[in-house]
Every structure is written in C-alpha cells, then in structure tokens.
Amino acid sequence: MATPVEIDYSNRDFESIRAFLVGVARATLPDWATVGEPSDFGTLLLELYAYMGDIMSYYTDRVAAEPFLATAVRRQSILGIADMLGYRPIAQQAANLQLTFTLAADAFLNDTVEIATGTLVQTSAQRAENAIYFETMGPYTPSPLVLGGSVRSGTAWATEGRTITEEYAGVSTGAPLQDYTLTNAGVIERTVSVLVNESDGSSVRWDFVDHLTDAGPDASVFTTYMDENLFMHVRFGDAVSGRIPPINSSIFVDYRYGAGVEGNVVVGAVTLLTQPIPGVTVTNNSAGVGGADPESIDSMRYSIPRASRTADRAVTLDDFAVLALQVPGVAKAVARGQYYTLVHVHIAPVGGNVAEPGFSTLKDQVEAYLTDRVMVGCTVSADDPQWLDVEVNMTVHVLPTYGQALVMSQVRQAITNTFAFTSVGFGTRISIGEVFRDAVEVVGVDYIELVTLRPKGGGTPSVRDIVPTEIQLPRLADADLVTIADGGLV
C-alpha cells in the first residue's frame, strides 16, 4: 500500500505547486529520471495541474476577500456592500458649457430662425459614435434666442448628453420588485422619468425615490440603480414599499445619457449642429465643466463608511458635510455653524464652476436633501464656496541640455496641478516646500527661485505658506502664475 503524501497547503502559486509535484514524483517514481525537465511530456502534465492549482488558489483568495470593503476589487461586490448599508453611489453627471450661435453674413437678412430648447450640437469626430453631444437648455441671450435681421449672434447654455423619450421598457408581470434595464449605458443621474400605461387605460407618471423603503404600499414610485457594467436599472416596489405596476401595464421611460467626464471638452470643440441649419454656425466659448463618471471604487471605499456612520441623519457638522456629498453634482462640502438651529453648508460643484446655471439648482437640492435629515428646529443653508486666490512668481533655472520652452511648460503645468480643483479641499494648506518639490521634480529643472507665493494682494512677506480658512478653497488663475526661465536650450 502506497504511503499517503503529506500535502503542504502553503503551496498556492504555480512555481511552488510545480516544485511540490516534481518532488513527489521523484520520491514515489524513482525510475522517472527526466521528471521536471521541460522536454518531458509527464512534466507538461504536472505543469497543467500546477496551473489549475494556481488559478483555483487565486479564486479561493478572491472569494474570501470580495465580501469586505477594504479588499473587494470587483465593482459588483462594492455595489452589493453599498446596497446592504443603504449607500447610494453617485451616478454619472453631465457637463455644462456656453455656446455661441452665429449667422453667416448673407443668412437670414429678412427672416428669423429660433434656436429652440433642446437643440442638439456636437463635437466633430471621424465617427458619429465618438462625438460628444450637447443639448441647449438656457438661459439664452437674447431670450428667446431668435437670430436674423440685425441680431447676428447669441449665446445659450447647454448640457452634455442626449434625450431618449418613451423608450419601451416592457410589460408588467404583476410580480414584486420588477427590474428593467435601460438600453443605453451612461444614463445621467436623476434624469429618469417613468410613465405607466396601466391596465385600466390610465397613464400615470410615477415618482422617483432614493429608497423604496421610504414609500408606502400605495405610492406610485420607482427607484434606479446602476450595475457594474454602467447600465441603469429601473426598479418598482413590492406592495409593501411602493406599489406594483398592474399586470399587463406598458412601461415607458424617458431619460438622458451621455459621456461623463469626456463632456469636459475644451473651448472651440463644439462645431456642428447635429441637424444643420443653413447659415448658422456654433461653437463653445467656454470649456465643458461638471462632467463626471459614475463613482469609482476608491471613492466608494472612502464614502461608504462615512455615510454609514451618519445613519442618514445630520447631527454633527461633519454629518452635514458627508450627507451633502451624497447629492449628485457636489464635489466638495464643508459645514459650519455656532448653533444647531442654523447650519451653513458650503458646497462646490463637480468641476468647481459656480457660474454655470445649474449651480443654483444644486444648492436647492442640497438644502432639500439635508432638511429631511436634520433635527427639528434646524435650518440648513447651502452657500457658495469662498475662494482664496493665490499668486505665484518664480524663476526656473533649466539644466543646459534641456529645452527651455518645454521645461517651462511642464513646470507651469505642475504648479497648476498643485492648485487644481481636484487636488485641494476646503481649508487645504499648501506649503512652500510643496511648491518647491512639485517644480523641482520636473525633468530638466536645476533649481528654482521662489519670488512670490502668497494670497493675491497679500502684502508681506511675499513668500509664505497658503493657509485658507476652513471654508476657503485655494485656487490659482493662469494670469497669477508667472514663471521666468533661465538657462537651458533656447
């Protein structure tokens, strides 16, 4: 009877499993002289077993790690944890920009043309599916935007994405918790609207709620969620939390979908009317801002524990800030207040542009969201961020073998990134050493002389750390960054 082989369960990768199998073969089959040699066919079979063992060990480890927020790597696992804890991940956001419509010199001299709400424009692209689309939404100048005669141009705000109306989702089966997937990926948050042609012949517009559990059994409500493949789902109730669409009812959905962060296009990128109007041209005189992809895994790892600690209630000032970040479109938030009866929440939108027309609406949404979660007698005010403008002046000494222009461009980009909206938060301190480090790390820089680093118009000393208050965001305008080159190849 053969002696049982003692298995070392610490052998979990290909090399260690292969070495173990070769060792066992040499011990039990001494006549197998070529075991372990690459040309031996038996060795190939051992390597196949080792390969399968490596794969099975990997999946065993992954299965053990996926249930935990800190170690999960699959988006589906993170979304499941978020749903279990009642956290609603932030979905895709649309960019906004300002357009200028212009008439050709010989167009509409004795006639007019109106640029209506929802006019579709796009960036140029080799293929239509690669274009970024925008729809006009106002405000318009003039208002309404009617061109012709002496009015040769006008401006309009536009939002990224395209509108889908009355997409047929399906027929209700009468089952609880019915779930329907929308056709297009990249649905923009809170643009979904549901119309149900019910079996009694009536057409009912159902209302959106964040959580079905907040609704009563007779409420005509639905909720949405995005799966791991970035497709939006519409879900109905179970007659306990939200009513069930009557059996054989037809379900139609309106929504907007877009390209997320790709909508943050540069000035001049939008050049085409999707449905051309002879004599009318368009371009964007501002860059797209505010576009964002669905919340990333890393962001959810950060946000889920903090949101869970609030228990969906705002008590401390940190609670107000954390909950404000759950409102789609809010990128940064901080709360302040001396008394619990009045709390000011300063918010900054995705992209940081408070001039876009949707920012006022965003503040209203934050106030409404927080008002439902505060103690009785507390009033919430959503306020603009306060900006701390910074000026920087430096002389950059370039190494002799490097091009001066390229190095200077990279230095300017490095310092711009230091103060970028995505790099700072409310109250973020930026030290002298940080500015030195970011500039000197550019390849080709010998050393720098920092002449000015201070709040704009800040007087003396001219070089000091930037220390915002708790409700200030530091920022650096391009005009406030002066770099003087010395040395290098001109």
Protein backbone atom coordinates (compact mmCIF):
# COMPACT_ATOMS: atom_id res chain seq x y z
CA MET A 1 0.00 0.00 0.00
CA ALA A 2 1.39 3.37 -1.01
CA THR A 3 2.34 5.81 1.75
CA PRO A 4 -0.03 8.83 1.76
CA VAL A 5 1.57 12.04 0.53
CA GLU A 6 1.59 14.85 3.07
CA ILE A 7 0.31 17.95 1.27
CA ASP A 8 1.77 21.35 2.07
CA TYR A 9 -1.20 23.71 1.81
CA SER A 10 1.06 26.76 1.75
CA ASN A 11 1.92 25.88 -1.86
CA ARG A 12 -0.55 28.18 -3.61
CA ASP A 13 1.18 29.52 -6.73
CA PHE A 14 2.35 27.86 -9.95
CA GLU A 15 6.05 27.59 -9.08
CA SER A 16 5.56 26.15 -5.59
CA ILE A 17 2.86 23.69 -6.71
CA ARG A 18 5.05 22.56 -9.64
CA ALA A 19 8.05 22.09 -7.35
CA PHE A 20 5.92 20.08 -4.91
CA LEU A 21 4.56 17.79 -7.67
CA VAL A 22 8.04 17.21 -9.13
CA GLY A 23 9.35 16.36 -5.65
CA VAL A 24 6.53 13.88 -5.06
CA ALA A 25 7.16 12.27 -8.48
CA ARG A 26 10.87 11.85 -7.76
CA ALA A 27 10.15 10.33 -4.35
CA THR A 28 7.46 7.89 -5.48
CA LEU A 29 8.66 7.12 -9.02
CA PRO A 30 12.47 6.85 -8.82
CA ASP A 31 12.66 5.37 -12.33
CA TRP A 32 11.25 8.59 -13.80
CA ALA A 33 14.66 10.11 -14.50
CA THR A 34 13.52 13.06 -16.64
CA VAL A 35 10.82 14.39 -14.34
CA GLY A 36 11.00 18.17 -14.09
CA GLU A 37 12.78 18.60 -17.42
CA PRO A 38 10.92 20.93 -19.85
CA SER A 39 11.07 18.39 -22.70
CA ASP A 40 9.41 15.64 -20.67
CA PHE A 41 5.72 15.07 -21.53
CA GLY A 42 4.94 13.98 -17.96
CA THR A 43 6.35 17.28 -16.73
CA LEU A 44 3.89 19.06 -19.02
CA LEU A 45 1.02 17.24 -17.30
CA LEU A 46 2.38 18.23 -13.86
CA GLU A 47 2.61 21.85 -15.02
CA LEU A 48 -1.01 21.75 -16.18
CA TYR A 49 -2.04 20.57 -12.70
CA ALA A 50 0.09 23.33 -11.17
CA TYR A 51 -1.51 25.89 -13.48
CA MET A 52 -5.01 24.81 -12.45
CA GLY A 53 -3.97 24.83 -8.80
CA ASP A 54 -2.67 28.39 -9.18
CA ILE A 55 -5.98 29.51 -10.70
CA MET A 56 -8.09 27.77 -8.05
CA SER A 57 -5.97 29.29 -5.27
CA TYR A 58 -6.44 32.75 -6.77
CA TYR A 59 -10.23 32.40 -6.92
CA THR A 60 -10.34 30.95 -3.41
CA ASP A 61 -8.48 34.02 -2.13
CA ARG A 62 -10.72 36.37 -4.14
CA VAL A 63 -13.91 34.78 -2.85
CA ALA A 64 -12.68 35.29 0.69
CA ALA A 65 -11.72 38.92 0.00
CA GLU A 66 -14.72 40.14 -2.01
CA PRO A 67 -17.22 40.45 0.89
CA PHE A 68 -15.07 43.10 2.59
CA LEU A 69 -15.00 46.76 1.55
CA ALA A 70 -11.25 47.14 2.04
CA THR A 71 -10.27 44.14 -0.09
CA ALA A 72 -13.02 43.83 -2.73
CA VAL A 73 -11.85 44.64 -6.24
CA ARG A 74 -14.96 43.88 -8.33
CA ARG A 75 -17.37 46.75 -8.81
CA GLN A 76 -20.29 44.36 -8.39
CA SER A 77 -19.05 43.45 -4.90
CA ILE A 78 -18.66 47.09 -3.85
CA LEU A 79 -22.15 47.89 -5.15
CA GLY A 80 -23.56 44.99 -3.15
CA ILE A 81 -21.91 46.28 0.03
CA ALA A 82 -23.22 49.78 -0.69
CA ASP A 83 -26.76 48.47 -1.13
CA MET A 84 -26.54 46.45 2.09
CA LEU A 85 -25.51 49.58 4.02
CA GLY A 86 -28.07 51.83 2.34
CA TYR A 87 -25.48 53.88 0.46
CA ARG A 88 -26.46 55.23 -2.95
CA PRO A 89 -23.37 55.61 -5.20
CA ILE A 90 -23.12 58.87 -7.11
CA ALA A 91 -24.08 58.27 -10.72
CA GLN A 92 -22.89 59.96 -13.90
CA GLN A 93 -23.01 63.76 -14.16
CA ALA A 94 -23.38 65.91 -17.28
CA ALA A 95 -21.01 68.74 -18.21
CA ASN A 96 -22.31 72.23 -18.95
CA LEU A 97 -20.89 74.87 -21.27
CA GLN A 98 -21.87 78.06 -23.08
CA LEU A 99 -22.44 78.11 -26.83
CA THR A 100 -22.37 80.96 -29.34
CA PHE A 101 -24.63 80.68 -32.41
CA THR A 102 -23.65 82.94 -35.33
CA LEU A 103 -25.30 83.74 -38.66
CA ALA A 104 -23.38 83.92 -41.91
CA ALA A 105 -23.12 87.39 -43.46
CA ASP A 106 -25.77 86.63 -46.11
CA ALA A 107 -28.08 84.43 -43.99
CA PHE A 108 -31.49 85.41 -42.56
CA LEU A 109 -31.25 89.05 -43.55
CA ASN A 110 -35.03 89.37 -43.94
CA ASP A 111 -36.11 86.36 -41.87
CA THR A 112 -35.50 84.85 -38.46
CA VAL A 113 -34.58 81.47 -37.02
CA GLU A 114 -35.11 80.36 -33.41
CA ILE A 115 -32.63 78.16 -31.57
CA ALA A 116 -35.09 76.14 -29.53
CA THR A 117 -34.56 74.46 -26.18
CA GLY A 118 -33.11 71.00 -26.76
CA THR A 119 -31.26 71.88 -29.97
CA LEU A 120 -28.59 69.19 -30.39
CA VAL A 121 -25.00 70.16 -31.15
CA GLN A 122 -21.83 68.08 -31.16
CA THR A 123 -18.09 67.95 -31.42
CA SER A 124 -16.60 66.90 -34.74
CA ALA A 125 -15.41 63.29 -34.93
CA GLN A 126 -14.28 60.80 -37.53
CA ARG A 127 -17.12 58.51 -36.46
CA ALA A 128 -20.51 59.63 -35.13
CA GLU A 129 -20.31 57.38 -32.06
CA ASN A 130 -17.14 59.19 -30.94
CA ALA A 131 -18.76 62.64 -30.97
CA ILE A 132 -19.79 64.36 -27.72
CA TYR A 133 -23.34 65.73 -27.86
CA PHE A 134 -24.86 68.70 -26.04
CA GLU A 135 -28.46 69.96 -25.79
CA THR A 136 -29.31 73.63 -25.31
CA MET A 137 -31.09 74.37 -22.05
CA GLY A 138 -30.87 78.15 -21.47
CA PRO A 139 -30.59 80.78 -20.24
CA TYR A 140 -30.45 82.39 -23.68
CA THR A 141 -29.16 85.79 -24.80
CA PRO A 142 -31.26 87.21 -26.33
CA SER A 143 -34.18 85.37 -24.78
CA PRO A 144 -35.72 83.62 -26.61
CA LEU A 145 -32.74 83.01 -28.90
CA VAL A 146 -34.11 84.32 -32.21
CA LEU A 147 -31.48 85.25 -34.81
CA GLY A 148 -31.96 87.20 -38.03
CA GLY A 149 -32.06 90.75 -39.29
CA SER A 150 -29.84 92.87 -37.08
CA VAL A 151 -29.35 90.10 -34.49
CA ARG A 152 -26.42 88.12 -35.89
CA SER A 153 -25.36 86.04 -32.89
CA GLY A 154 -26.49 84.87 -29.49
CA THR A 155 -25.45 82.63 -26.60
CA ALA A 156 -27.03 79.66 -24.87
CA TRP A 157 -26.03 77.29 -22.10
CA ALA A 158 -26.03 73.61 -23.00
CA THR A 159 -25.75 70.35 -21.11
CA GLU A 160 -23.94 67.26 -22.31
CA GLY A 161 -25.90 64.20 -23.39
CA ARG A 162 -28.89 63.15 -25.48
CA THR A 163 -32.55 62.72 -24.53
CA ILE A 164 -34.44 59.49 -25.07
CA THR A 165 -38.23 59.76 -24.87
CA GLU A 166 -40.72 56.96 -24.28
CA GLU A 167 -38.30 54.06 -24.51
CA TYR A 168 -40.36 50.90 -24.18
CA ALA A 169 -39.14 49.03 -21.10
CA GLY A 170 -41.63 46.15 -21.10
CA VAL A 171 -44.95 44.88 -19.77
CA SER A 172 -45.59 44.47 -16.07
CA THR A 173 -45.83 40.88 -14.91
CA GLY A 174 -47.50 41.86 -11.65
CA ALA A 175 -44.56 40.45 -9.69
CA PRO A 176 -42.95 42.36 -6.81
CA LEU A 177 -39.65 44.21 -7.27
CA GLN A 178 -39.76 44.23 -11.06
CA ASP A 179 -36.50 45.33 -12.63
CA TYR A 180 -35.97 46.80 -16.12
CA THR A 181 -32.65 47.69 -17.76
CA LEU A 182 -32.38 50.80 -19.95
CA THR A 183 -30.89 50.38 -23.41
CA ASN A 184 -28.09 52.97 -23.30
CA ALA A 185 -25.16 52.96 -20.91
CA GLY A 186 -24.11 56.16 -19.17
CA VAL A 187 -27.54 57.38 -18.01
CA ILE A 188 -27.23 60.75 -16.26
CA GLU A 189 -28.28 60.84 -12.62
CA ARG A 190 -31.86 61.90 -11.86
CA THR A 191 -32.95 62.28 -15.47
CA VAL A 192 -35.10 59.12 -15.48
CA SER A 193 -38.87 59.57 -15.74
CA VAL A 194 -41.34 56.66 -15.88
CA LEU A 195 -44.79 56.60 -17.47
CA VAL A 196 -47.02 53.55 -16.94
CA ASN A 197 -49.99 52.92 -19.21
CA GLU A 198 -51.97 50.99 -16.65
CA SER A 199 -54.40 48.18 -17.39
CA ASP A 200 -57.43 50.38 -16.63
CA GLY A 201 -56.49 52.66 -19.53
CA SER A 202 -54.99 55.49 -17.46
CA SER A 203 -51.47 56.87 -17.97
CA VAL A 204 -49.69 57.52 -14.68
CA ARG A 205 -46.38 59.33 -14.22
CA TRP A 206 -44.57 57.55 -11.38
CA ASP A 207 -42.30 59.44 -8.95
CA PHE A 208 -38.63 58.78 -8.26
CA VAL A 209 -37.41 58.00 -4.73
CA ASP A 210 -33.90 57.28 -3.48
CA HIS A 211 -35.07 54.27 -1.48
CA LEU A 212 -38.26 52.26 -1.98
CA THR A 213 -38.41 51.65 1.77
CA ASP A 214 -39.32 55.33 2.22
CA ALA A 215 -42.61 54.81 0.33
CA GLY A 216 -45.96 53.45 1.43
CA PRO A 217 -47.69 50.44 -0.15
CA ASP A 218 -49.93 52.54 -2.41
CA ALA A 219 -47.28 55.02 -3.63
CA SER A 220 -46.61 55.07 -7.37
CA VAL A 221 -42.84 55.27 -7.06
CA PHE A 222 -39.72 53.73 -8.56
CA THR A 223 -36.03 53.86 -7.87
CA THR A 224 -32.95 53.42 -10.02
CA TYR A 225 -29.53 51.87 -9.63
CA MET A 226 -26.54 51.36 -11.87
CA ASP A 227 -24.98 47.93 -12.32
CA GLU A 228 -21.31 47.01 -12.63
CA ASN A 229 -21.48 47.44 -16.42
CA LEU A 230 -22.76 51.04 -16.03
CA PHE A 231 -26.28 50.28 -17.24
CA MET A 232 -29.16 51.91 -15.37
CA HIS A 233 -31.96 49.77 -13.93
CA VAL A 234 -35.49 50.88 -13.02
CA ARG A 235 -36.98 49.00 -10.07
CA PHE A 236 -40.56 49.05 -8.75
CA GLY A 237 -41.99 48.20 -5.33
CA ASP A 238 -43.44 45.09 -3.73
CA ALA A 239 -46.81 46.37 -2.40
CA VAL A 240 -45.13 46.99 0.97
CA SER A 241 -42.66 49.66 -0.12
CA GLY A 242 -44.20 51.16 -3.24
CA ARG A 243 -46.98 49.62 -5.27
CA ILE A 244 -46.54 47.10 -8.08
CA PRO A 245 -47.38 48.20 -11.64
CA PRO A 246 -50.66 46.46 -12.52
CA ILE A 247 -50.27 43.29 -14.57
CA ASN A 248 -50.11 43.86 -18.34
CA SER A 249 -49.33 47.58 -17.90
CA SER A 250 -46.95 49.02 -20.51
CA ILE A 251 -43.90 50.80 -19.07
CA PHE A 252 -42.17 53.68 -20.89
CA VAL A 253 -39.07 55.55 -19.74
CA ASP A 254 -37.63 58.99 -20.58
CA TYR A 255 -34.00 59.67 -19.72
CA ARG A 256 -30.79 61.35 -20.79
CA TYR A 257 -27.47 59.62 -21.36
CA GLY A 258 -24.02 60.95 -22.10
CA ALA A 259 -20.27 60.56 -21.92
CA GLY A 260 -19.49 61.61 -18.33
CA VAL A 261 -16.08 63.18 -17.81
CA GLU A 262 -15.45 63.21 -21.58
CA GLY A 263 -18.01 66.01 -21.77
CA ASN A 264 -15.48 68.41 -20.21
CA VAL A 265 -14.37 69.50 -23.67
CA VAL A 266 -12.02 72.38 -24.43
CA VAL A 267 -13.06 75.76 -25.81
CA GLY A 268 -13.90 75.51 -29.52
CA ALA A 269 -14.52 71.76 -29.54
CA VAL A 270 -18.24 72.03 -30.37
CA THR A 271 -18.53 72.96 -34.04
CA LEU A 272 -21.56 71.16 -35.52
CA LEU A 273 -25.32 71.32 -35.31
CA THR A 274 -26.49 67.71 -35.39
CA GLN A 275 -29.43 68.83 -37.54
CA PRO A 276 -27.77 71.55 -39.66
CA ILE A 277 -29.46 74.92 -40.12
CA PRO A 278 -28.20 76.61 -43.32
CA GLY A 279 -26.29 79.77 -42.48
CA VAL A 280 -25.98 79.02 -38.76
CA THR A 281 -22.69 78.04 -37.11
CA VAL A 282 -21.97 77.16 -33.50
CA THR A 283 -19.00 76.97 -31.18
CA ASN A 284 -18.47 76.79 -27.43
CA ASN A 285 -16.89 79.87 -25.90
CA SER A 286 -16.36 78.13 -22.56
CA ALA A 287 -14.93 74.76 -21.67
CA GLY A 288 -17.23 71.98 -20.50
CA VAL A 289 -17.26 71.65 -16.71
CA GLY A 290 -19.05 69.41 -14.25
CA GLY A 291 -18.94 66.18 -16.23
CA ALA A 292 -18.15 63.14 -14.09
CA ASP A 293 -18.17 59.38 -14.46
CA PRO A 294 -20.06 57.13 -12.03
CA GLU A 295 -18.45 56.99 -8.61
CA SER A 296 -15.24 55.00 -8.65
CA ILE A 297 -14.45 52.00 -6.44
CA ASP A 298 -11.85 54.01 -4.50
CA SER A 299 -14.32 56.82 -3.90
CA MET A 300 -16.96 54.38 -2.65
CA ARG A 301 -14.42 52.81 -0.29
CA TYR A 302 -13.94 56.28 1.20
CA SER A 303 -17.58 57.38 1.22
CA ILE A 304 -19.49 54.25 2.31
CA PRO A 305 -18.10 54.07 5.89
CA ARG A 306 -18.58 57.80 6.43
CA ALA A 307 -22.12 57.80 5.10
CA SER A 308 -22.95 54.74 7.20
CA ARG A 309 -21.81 56.48 10.38
CA THR A 310 -24.30 59.29 9.80
CA ALA A 311 -27.21 56.79 9.81
CA ASP A 312 -28.82 59.12 7.24
CA ARG A 313 -29.18 61.81 9.90
CA ALA A 314 -27.34 65.12 10.24
CA VAL A 315 -26.33 65.79 13.84
CA THR A 316 -22.70 66.93 13.85
CA LEU A 317 -21.20 69.38 11.37
CA ASP A 318 -19.28 66.50 9.78
CA ASP A 319 -22.61 64.75 9.21
CA PHE A 320 -23.88 67.74 7.23
CA ALA A 321 -20.78 67.77 5.02
CA VAL A 322 -20.82 63.99 4.43
CA LEU A 323 -24.53 63.95 3.55
CA ALA A 324 -24.15 66.95 1.22
CA LEU A 325 -21.62 64.93 -0.78
CA GLN A 326 -24.34 62.35 -1.46
CA VAL A 327 -26.22 64.86 -3.62
CA PRO A 328 -25.23 64.23 -7.26
CA GLY A 329 -23.12 67.08 -8.58
CA VAL A 330 -21.50 68.07 -5.27
CA ALA A 331 -17.74 67.58 -5.35
CA LYS A 332 -16.69 69.21 -2.06
CA ALA A 333 -18.56 70.28 1.06
CA VAL A 334 -17.87 71.73 4.49
CA ALA A 335 -20.32 72.77 7.22
CA ARG A 336 -20.10 75.49 9.85
CA GLY A 337 -22.43 76.92 12.47
CA GLN A 338 -22.38 78.19 16.04
CA TYR A 339 -25.86 76.98 16.91
CA TYR A 340 -27.74 73.83 15.93
CA THR A 341 -30.67 75.96 14.69
CA LEU A 342 -28.72 77.25 11.65
CA VAL A 343 -26.05 75.37 9.72
CA HIS A 344 -24.28 76.76 6.67
CA VAL A 345 -23.04 74.14 4.21
CA HIS A 346 -20.56 75.48 1.68
CA ILE A 347 -20.51 73.34 -1.45
CA ALA A 348 -18.52 73.28 -4.67
CA PRO A 349 -19.90 71.57 -7.79
CA VAL A 350 -18.07 68.98 -9.86
CA GLY A 351 -15.54 70.97 -11.88
CA GLY A 352 -15.69 73.92 -9.48
CA ASN A 353 -17.58 76.30 -11.79
CA VAL A 354 -20.18 78.11 -9.66
CA ALA A 355 -21.14 80.34 -12.61
CA GLU A 356 -22.93 77.59 -14.52
CA PRO A 357 -26.74 77.92 -14.38
CA GLY A 358 -27.26 74.57 -12.68
CA PHE A 359 -25.37 75.58 -9.51
CA SER A 360 -28.33 77.46 -8.05
CA THR A 361 -30.50 74.38 -8.57
CA LEU A 362 -27.80 72.23 -6.98
CA LYS A 363 -27.85 74.37 -3.84
CA ASP A 364 -31.64 73.97 -3.64
CA GLN A 365 -31.23 70.19 -3.95
CA VAL A 366 -28.67 70.14 -1.13
CA GLU A 367 -30.96 72.15 1.13
CA ALA A 368 -33.92 69.89 0.37
CA TYR A 369 -31.86 66.72 0.89
CA LEU A 370 -30.46 67.87 4.23
CA THR A 371 -33.72 69.34 5.52
CA ASP A 372 -35.22 65.85 5.55
CA ARG A 373 -32.34 64.62 7.71
CA VAL A 374 -31.85 67.29 10.38
CA MET A 375 -33.16 67.69 13.90
CA VAL A 376 -36.42 69.55 14.47
CA GLY A 377 -35.86 73.29 14.50
CA CYS A 378 -32.67 73.23 12.43
CA THR A 379 -32.41 75.27 9.24
CA VAL A 380 -29.87 74.46 6.53
CA SER A 381 -28.41 76.99 4.13
CA ALA A 382 -26.38 75.83 1.13
CA ASP A 383 -23.81 78.51 0.31
CA ASP A 384 -21.19 79.22 -2.34
CA PRO A 385 -17.59 78.28 -1.61
CA GLN A 386 -15.22 81.04 -0.62
CA TRP A 387 -12.14 81.23 -2.82
CA LEU A 388 -8.61 82.14 -1.77
CA ASP A 389 -6.86 83.47 -4.86
CA VAL A 390 -3.13 82.84 -4.90
CA GLU A 391 -0.30 84.43 -6.87
CA VAL A 392 2.95 82.63 -7.70
CA ASN A 393 6.11 84.09 -9.24
CA MET A 394 9.26 82.03 -9.72
CA THR A 395 12.48 81.91 -11.70
CA VAL A 396 13.20 78.45 -13.10
CA HIS A 397 16.83 77.56 -13.78
CA VAL A 398 16.97 74.95 -16.55
CA LEU A 399 19.77 72.43 -16.98
CA PRO A 400 22.00 73.21 -20.01
CA THR A 401 20.97 70.16 -22.08
CA TYR A 402 17.19 70.65 -21.80
CA GLY A 403 14.89 72.79 -23.91
CA GLN A 404 13.82 75.88 -22.03
CA ALA A 405 10.33 76.13 -23.54
CA LEU A 406 9.38 72.51 -22.83
CA VAL A 407 10.67 72.58 -19.26
CA MET A 408 8.86 75.85 -18.54
CA SER A 409 5.62 74.45 -19.91
CA GLN A 410 5.92 71.38 -17.70
CA VAL A 411 6.71 73.50 -14.64
CA ARG A 412 3.64 75.65 -15.23
CA GLN A 413 1.54 72.51 -15.58
CA ALA A 414 2.98 71.04 -12.38
CA ILE A 415 2.21 74.17 -10.34
CA THR A 416 -1.25 74.43 -11.92
CA ASN A 417 -1.90 70.83 -10.85
CA THR A 418 -0.82 71.68 -7.30
CA PHE A 419 -3.66 74.20 -7.06
CA ALA A 420 -6.12 72.31 -9.27
CA PHE A 421 -9.69 71.97 -8.01
CA THR A 422 -9.34 68.19 -7.87
CA SER A 423 -6.17 68.48 -5.75
CA VAL A 424 -7.42 70.76 -2.98
CA GLY A 425 -10.25 70.80 -0.48
CA PHE A 426 -11.76 73.28 1.92
CA GLY A 427 -9.01 74.52 4.20
CA THR A 428 -6.20 72.69 2.33
CA ARG A 429 -2.82 74.12 3.34
CA ILE A 430 -0.24 74.43 0.54
CA SER A 431 3.28 74.84 1.87
CA ILE A 432 6.34 76.48 0.37
CA GLY A 433 8.05 73.08 0.35
CA GLU A 434 5.22 71.53 -1.65
CA VAL A 435 5.52 74.17 -4.38
CA PHE A 436 9.33 73.75 -4.45
CA ARG A 437 9.03 69.97 -4.67
CA ASP A 438 6.46 69.97 -7.47
CA ALA A 439 8.55 72.38 -9.55
CA VAL A 440 11.93 70.73 -8.99
CA GLU A 441 10.55 67.25 -9.76
CA VAL A 442 10.10 68.32 -13.41
CA VAL A 443 12.82 66.72 -15.51
CA GLY A 444 15.29 69.35 -16.69
CA VAL A 445 14.94 71.73 -13.73
CA ASP A 446 18.21 72.57 -11.98
CA TYR A 447 16.71 74.70 -9.19
CA ILE A 448 14.12 77.43 -8.70
CA GLU A 449 13.95 80.79 -7.00
CA LEU A 450 10.53 81.41 -5.48
CA VAL A 451 9.89 85.15 -5.64
CA THR A 452 6.20 85.22 -4.70
CA LEU A 453 3.85 82.73 -3.03
CA ARG A 454 1.02 84.39 -1.15
CA PRO A 455 -2.70 85.20 -1.26
CA LYS A 456 -3.36 87.66 -4.04
CA GLY A 457 -2.72 91.19 -2.81
CA GLY A 458 -1.47 89.73 0.47
CA GLY A 459 1.43 92.12 1.03
CA THR A 460 4.45 90.93 3.03
CA PRO A 461 6.06 88.52 3.46
CA SER A 462 5.98 87.72 -0.24
CA VAL A 463 6.75 84.01 0.22
CA ARG A 464 4.74 82.05 2.79
CA ASP A 465 2.53 79.03 3.18
CA ILE A 466 -1.01 79.29 1.78
CA VAL A 467 -3.33 78.76 4.75
CA PRO A 468 -7.04 79.01 3.83
CA THR A 469 -9.78 79.16 6.42
CA GLU A 470 -12.00 76.09 6.89
CA ILE A 471 -14.50 77.43 4.32
CA GLN A 472 -11.98 78.57 1.68
CA LEU A 473 -10.71 76.76 -1.40
CA PRO A 474 -7.29 77.87 -2.72
CA ARG A 475 -7.09 78.48 -6.45
CA LEU A 476 -4.60 79.82 -8.96
CA ALA A 477 -5.64 81.67 -12.09
CA ASP A 478 -3.39 81.28 -15.12
CA ALA A 479 -2.71 85.02 -15.09
CA ASP A 480 -1.47 84.76 -11.49
CA LEU A 481 1.26 82.23 -12.36
CA VAL A 482 4.45 83.97 -13.53
CA THR A 483 7.44 81.82 -14.49
CA ILE A 484 10.72 83.26 -15.73
CA ALA A 485 13.22 80.94 -17.40
CA ASP A 486 16.97 80.97 -17.03
CA GLY A 487 19.41 78.65 -18.83
CA GLY A 488 18.69 75.63 -20.98
CA LEU A 489 18.45 75.42 -24.74
CA VAL A 490 16.56 78.35 -26.20
